[in-house]
Amino acid sequence: MDEALERIGASDELKNMLKEPMFRVADTVRNQDSSEPKPRDPNIIAVG
């Protein structure tokens, strides 16, 4: 994500605004040791 934002010339303000939400999305879809689903997070729009 950082490289993509650099390529399009995104402002530091935009980068900072997107950092936390994108981290949470990435953390949600990261491979897990267990096949059991995580408890639903009301802050996540889509669950895979």
PDB file of N, CA and C in Angstrom:
ATOM      1  N   MET A   1       0.819  -1.181   0.000  1.00  0.00           N
ATOM      2  CA  MET A   1       0.000   0.000   0.000  1.00  0.00           C
ATOM      3  C   MET A   1       0.869   1.253   0.000  1.00  0.00           C
ATOM      4  N   ASP A   2       1.920   1.227   0.810  1.00  0.00           N
ATOM      5  CA  ASP A   2       2.779   2.406   0.878  1.00  0.00           C
ATOM      6  C   ASP A   2       3.353   2.747  -0.492  1.00  0.00           C
ATOM      7  N   GLU A   3       3.808   1.730  -1.208  1.00  0.00           N
ATOM      8  CA  GLU A   3       4.384   1.974  -2.535  1.00  0.00           C
ATOM      9  C   GLU A   3       3.338   2.511  -3.504  1.00  0.00           C
ATOM     10  N   ALA A   4       2.134   1.969  -3.456  1.00  0.00           N
ATOM     11  CA  ALA A   4       1.065   2.445  -4.339  1.00  0.00           C
ATOM     12  C   ALA A   4       0.739   3.911  -4.057  1.00  0.00           C
ATOM     13  N   LEU A   5       0.675   4.276  -2.790  1.00  0.00           N
ATOM     14  CA  LEU A   5       0.386   5.660  -2.434  1.00  0.00           C
ATOM     15  C   LEU A   5       1.517   6.587  -2.866  1.00  0.00           C
ATOM     16  N   GLU A   6       2.760   6.104  -2.777  1.00  0.00           N
ATOM     17  CA  GLU A   6       3.895   6.902  -3.252  1.00  0.00           C
ATOM     18  C   GLU A   6       3.793   7.120  -4.762  1.00  0.00           C
ATOM     19  N   ARG A   7       3.458   6.052  -5.496  1.00  0.00           N
ATOM     20  CA  ARG A   7       3.383   6.131  -6.957  1.00  0.00           C
ATOM     21  C   ARG A   7       2.349   7.140  -7.448  1.00  0.00           C
ATOM     22  N   ILE A   8       1.260   7.270  -6.708  1.00  0.00           N
ATOM     23  CA  ILE A   8       0.229   8.210  -7.163  1.00  0.00           C
ATOM     24  C   ILE A   8       0.423   9.608  -6.579  1.00  0.00           C
ATOM     25  N   GLY A   9       1.464   9.760  -5.780  1.00  0.00           N
ATOM     26  CA  GLY A   9       1.746  11.074  -5.210  1.00  0.00           C
ATOM     27  C   GLY A   9       0.779  11.483  -4.117  1.00  0.00           C
ATOM     28  N   ALA A  10       0.304  10.507  -3.344  1.00  0.00           N
ATOM     29  CA  ALA A  10      -0.634  10.804  -2.259  1.00  0.00           C
ATOM     30  C   ALA A  10       0.019  11.691  -1.204  1.00  0.00           C
ATOM     31  N   SER A  11      -0.772  12.572  -0.645  1.00  0.00           N
ATOM     32  CA  SER A  11      -0.270  13.466   0.398  1.00  0.00           C
ATOM     33  C   SER A  11      -0.007  12.699   1.689  1.00  0.00           C
ATOM     34  N   ASP A  12       0.822  13.258   2.541  1.00  0.00           N
ATOM     35  CA  ASP A  12       1.082  12.647   3.848  1.00  0.00           C
ATOM     36  C   ASP A  12      -0.210  12.547   4.654  1.00  0.00           C
ATOM     37  N   GLU A  13      -1.072  13.536   4.501  1.00  0.00           N
ATOM     38  CA  GLU A  13      -2.357  13.520   5.213  1.00  0.00           C
ATOM     39  C   GLU A  13      -3.182  12.292   4.802  1.00  0.00           C
ATOM     40  N   LEU A  14      -3.248  12.020   3.517  1.00  0.00           N
ATOM     41  CA  LEU A  14      -4.001  10.852   3.040  1.00  0.00           C
ATOM     42  C   LEU A  14      -3.359   9.561   3.520  1.00  0.00           C
ATOM     43  N   LYS A  15      -2.057   9.465   3.438  1.00  0.00           N
ATOM     44  CA  LYS A  15      -1.348   8.259   3.899  1.00  0.00           C
ATOM     45  C   LYS A  15      -1.654   7.990   5.367  1.00  0.00           C
ATOM     46  N   ASN A  16      -1.578   9.031   6.187  1.00  0.00           N
ATOM     47  CA  ASN A  16      -1.855   8.876   7.620  1.00  0.00           C
ATOM     48  C   ASN A  16      -3.310   8.501   7.872  1.00  0.00           C
ATOM     49  N   MET A  17      -4.215   9.045   7.085  1.00  0.00           N
ATOM     50  CA  MET A  17      -5.635   8.755   7.249  1.00  0.00           C
ATOM     51  C   MET A  17      -5.940   7.286   6.926  1.00  0.00           C
ATOM     52  N   LEU A  18      -5.259   6.718   5.953  1.00  0.00           N
ATOM     53  CA  LEU A  18      -5.536   5.349   5.508  1.00  0.00           C
ATOM     54  C   LEU A  18      -4.782   4.274   6.288  1.00  0.00           C
ATOM     55  N   LYS A  19      -3.724   4.653   6.973  1.00  0.00           N
ATOM     56  CA  LYS A  19      -2.849   3.675   7.603  1.00  0.00           C
ATOM     57  C   LYS A  19      -3.567   2.727   8.559  1.00  0.00           C
ATOM     58  N   GLU A  20      -4.275   3.250   9.537  1.00  0.00           N
ATOM     59  CA  GLU A  20      -4.940   2.398  10.537  1.00  0.00           C
ATOM     60  C   GLU A  20      -6.057   1.539   9.942  1.00  0.00           C
ATOM     61  N   PRO A  21      -6.975   2.098   9.150  1.00  0.00           N
ATOM     62  CA  PRO A  21      -8.027   1.241   8.581  1.00  0.00           C
ATOM     63  C   PRO A  21      -7.463   0.133   7.681  1.00  0.00           C
ATOM     64  N   MET A  22      -6.432   0.438   6.904  1.00  0.00           N
ATOM     65  CA  MET A  22      -5.856  -0.583   6.034  1.00  0.00           C
ATOM     66  C   MET A  22      -5.132  -1.655   6.846  1.00  0.00           C
ATOM     67  N   PHE A  23      -4.507  -1.264   7.947  1.00  0.00           N
ATOM     68  CA  PHE A  23      -3.872  -2.242   8.818  1.00  0.00           C
ATOM     69  C   PHE A  23      -4.915  -3.200   9.388  1.00  0.00           C
ATOM     70  N   ARG A  24      -6.061  -2.656   9.799  1.00  0.00           N
ATOM     71  CA  ARG A  24      -7.110  -3.521  10.360  1.00  0.00           C
ATOM     72  C   ARG A  24      -7.654  -4.489   9.319  1.00  0.00           C
ATOM     73  N   VAL A  25      -7.814  -4.026   8.079  1.00  0.00           N
ATOM     74  CA  VAL A  25      -8.266  -4.915   7.008  1.00  0.00           C
ATOM     75  C   VAL A  25      -7.234  -6.008   6.774  1.00  0.00           C
ATOM     76  N   ALA A  26      -5.969  -5.630   6.666  1.00  0.00           N
ATOM     77  CA  ALA A  26      -4.910  -6.616   6.447  1.00  0.00           C
ATOM     78  C   ALA A  26      -4.843  -7.612   7.593  1.00  0.00           C
ATOM     79  N   ASP A  27      -4.988  -7.147   8.805  1.00  0.00           N
ATOM     80  CA  ASP A  27      -4.952  -8.031   9.967  1.00  0.00           C
ATOM     81  C   ASP A  27      -6.118  -9.017   9.938  1.00  0.00           C
ATOM     82  N   THR A  28      -7.256  -8.578   9.455  1.00  0.00           N
ATOM     83  CA  THR A  28      -8.431  -9.439   9.391  1.00  0.00           C
ATOM     84  C   THR A  28      -8.258 -10.566   8.374  1.00  0.00           C
ATOM     85  N   VAL A  29      -7.638 -10.263   7.256  1.00  0.00           N
ATOM     86  CA  VAL A  29      -7.513 -11.282   6.206  1.00  0.00           C
ATOM     87  C   VAL A  29      -6.215 -12.074   6.269  1.00  0.00           C
ATOM     88  N   ARG A  30      -5.345 -11.741   7.191  1.00  0.00           N
ATOM     89  CA  ARG A  30      -4.076 -12.463   7.352  1.00  0.00           C
ATOM     90  C   ARG A  30      -4.358 -13.928   7.674  1.00  0.00           C
ATOM     91  N   ASN A  31      -3.507 -14.805   7.163  1.00  0.00           N
ATOM     92  CA  ASN A  31      -3.639 -16.234   7.470  1.00  0.00           C
ATOM     93  C   ASN A  31      -3.587 -16.456   8.970  1.00  0.00           C
ATOM     94  N   GLN A  32      -4.418 -17.358   9.435  1.00  0.00           N
ATOM     95  CA  GLN A  32      -4.513 -17.664  10.856  1.00  0.00           C
ATOM     96  C   GLN A  32      -4.073 -19.102  11.101  1.00  0.00           C
ATOM     97  N   ASP A  33      -3.612 -19.412  12.318  1.00  0.00           N
ATOM     98  CA  ASP A  33      -3.237 -20.772  12.684  1.00  0.00           C
ATOM     99  C   ASP A  33      -4.454 -21.674  12.753  1.00  0.00           C
ATOM    100  N   SER A  34      -5.590 -21.115  13.036  1.00  0.00           N
ATOM    101  CA  SER A  34      -6.815 -21.879  13.218  1.00  0.00           C
ATOM    102  C   SER A  34      -7.779 -21.603  12.074  1.00  0.00           C
ATOM    103  N   SER A  35      -8.563 -22.621  11.716  1.00  0.00           N
ATOM    104  CA  SER A  35      -9.577 -22.413  10.684  1.00  0.00           C
ATOM    105  C   SER A  35     -10.869 -21.871  11.277  1.00  0.00           C
ATOM    106  N   GLU A  36     -10.892 -21.711  12.602  1.00  0.00           N
ATOM    107  CA  GLU A  36     -12.072 -21.159  13.260  1.00  0.00           C
ATOM    108  C   GLU A  36     -12.185 -19.670  12.947  1.00  0.00           C
ATOM    109  N   PRO A  37     -13.382 -19.202  12.584  1.00  0.00           N
ATOM    110  CA  PRO A  37     -13.523 -17.769  12.289  1.00  0.00           C
ATOM    111  C   PRO A  37     -13.342 -16.931  13.541  1.00  0.00           C
ATOM    112  N   LYS A  38     -12.820 -15.726  13.347  1.00  0.00           N
ATOM    113  CA  LYS A  38     -12.700 -14.775  14.451  1.00  0.00           C
ATOM    114  C   LYS A  38     -14.081 -14.248  14.790  1.00  0.00           C
ATOM    115  N   PRO A  39     -14.267 -13.778  16.013  1.00  0.00           N
ATOM    116  CA  PRO A  39     -15.542 -13.118  16.335  1.00  0.00           C
ATOM    117  C   PRO A  39     -15.752 -11.929  15.408  1.00  0.00           C
ATOM    118  N   ARG A  40     -16.977 -11.684  15.041  1.00  0.00           N
ATOM    119  CA  ARG A  40     -17.277 -10.594  14.121  1.00  0.00           C
ATOM    120  C   ARG A  40     -16.947  -9.245  14.737  1.00  0.00           C
ATOM    121  N   ASP A  41     -16.238  -8.444  13.953  1.00  0.00           N
ATOM    122  CA  ASP A  41     -15.864  -7.093  14.366  1.00  0.00           C
ATOM    123  C   ASP A  41     -16.830  -6.126  13.703  1.00  0.00           C
ATOM    124  N   PRO A  42     -17.613  -5.366  14.464  1.00  0.00           N
ATOM    125  CA  PRO A  42     -18.596  -4.456  13.865  1.00  0.00           C
ATOM    126  C   PRO A  42     -17.960  -3.335  13.050  1.00  0.00           C
ATOM    127  N   ASN A  43     -16.646  -3.152  13.178  1.00  0.00           N
ATOM    128  CA  ASN A  43     -15.967  -2.107  12.422  1.00  0.00           C
ATOM    129  C   ASN A  43     -15.503  -2.576  11.037  1.00  0.00           C
ATOM    130  N   ILE A  44     -15.653  -3.859  10.749  1.00  0.00           N
ATOM    131  CA  ILE A  44     -15.251  -4.407   9.465  1.00  0.00           C
ATOM    132  C   ILE A  44     -16.481  -4.484   8.573  1.00  0.00           C
ATOM    133  N   ILE A  45     -16.356  -3.953   7.360  1.00  0.00           N
ATOM    134  CA  ILE A  45     -17.496  -3.899   6.437  1.00  0.00           C
ATOM    135  C   ILE A  45     -17.813  -5.272   5.857  1.00  0.00           C
ATOM    136  N   ALA A  46     -16.800  -5.982   5.394  1.00  0.00           N
ATOM    137  CA  ALA A  46     -17.009  -7.280   4.753  1.00  0.00           C
ATOM    138  C   ALA A  46     -16.229  -8.352   5.499  1.00  0.00           C
ATOM    139  N   VAL A  47     -16.823  -9.513   5.638  1.00  0.00           N
ATOM    140  CA  VAL A  47     -16.163 -10.638   6.287  1.00  0.00           C
ATOM    141  C   VAL A  47     -16.063 -11.750   5.259  1.00  0.00           C
ATOM    142  N   GLY A  48     -14.860 -12.299   5.115  1.00  0.00           N
ATOM    143  CA  GLY A  48     -14.594 -13.311   4.080  1.00  0.00           C
ATOM    144  C   GLY A  48     -14.761 -14.697   4.528  1.00  0.00           C
TER     145      GLY A  48
END
